[in-house]
Amino acid sequence: MAAAKKKKTARGRKQDRARVAGGQNYEVGYESKKTGRSASAVKKAVKKVGNSRKRVEKRLAR
């Protein structure tokens, strides 16, 4: 049998945009600049609610 041909999708890229990598300085810096909060506040939010960008932004908006 022939191997199934894999589709190329952008799914992985969309999933990457939906996450905040708490250990990556450029990610933390971007999020802190975007929300106007400090980098340590962003790291605390990531630790508290996980790495979902929506949840982190919601937490920082308080």
Foldseek 3Di string as FASTA:
>chain_A
DDDDDDDDDCVVVVVVVQWQDLVDPVSLVVVCVVLVHDSVLLSVLCVVPNTGPVSSSVVSVD
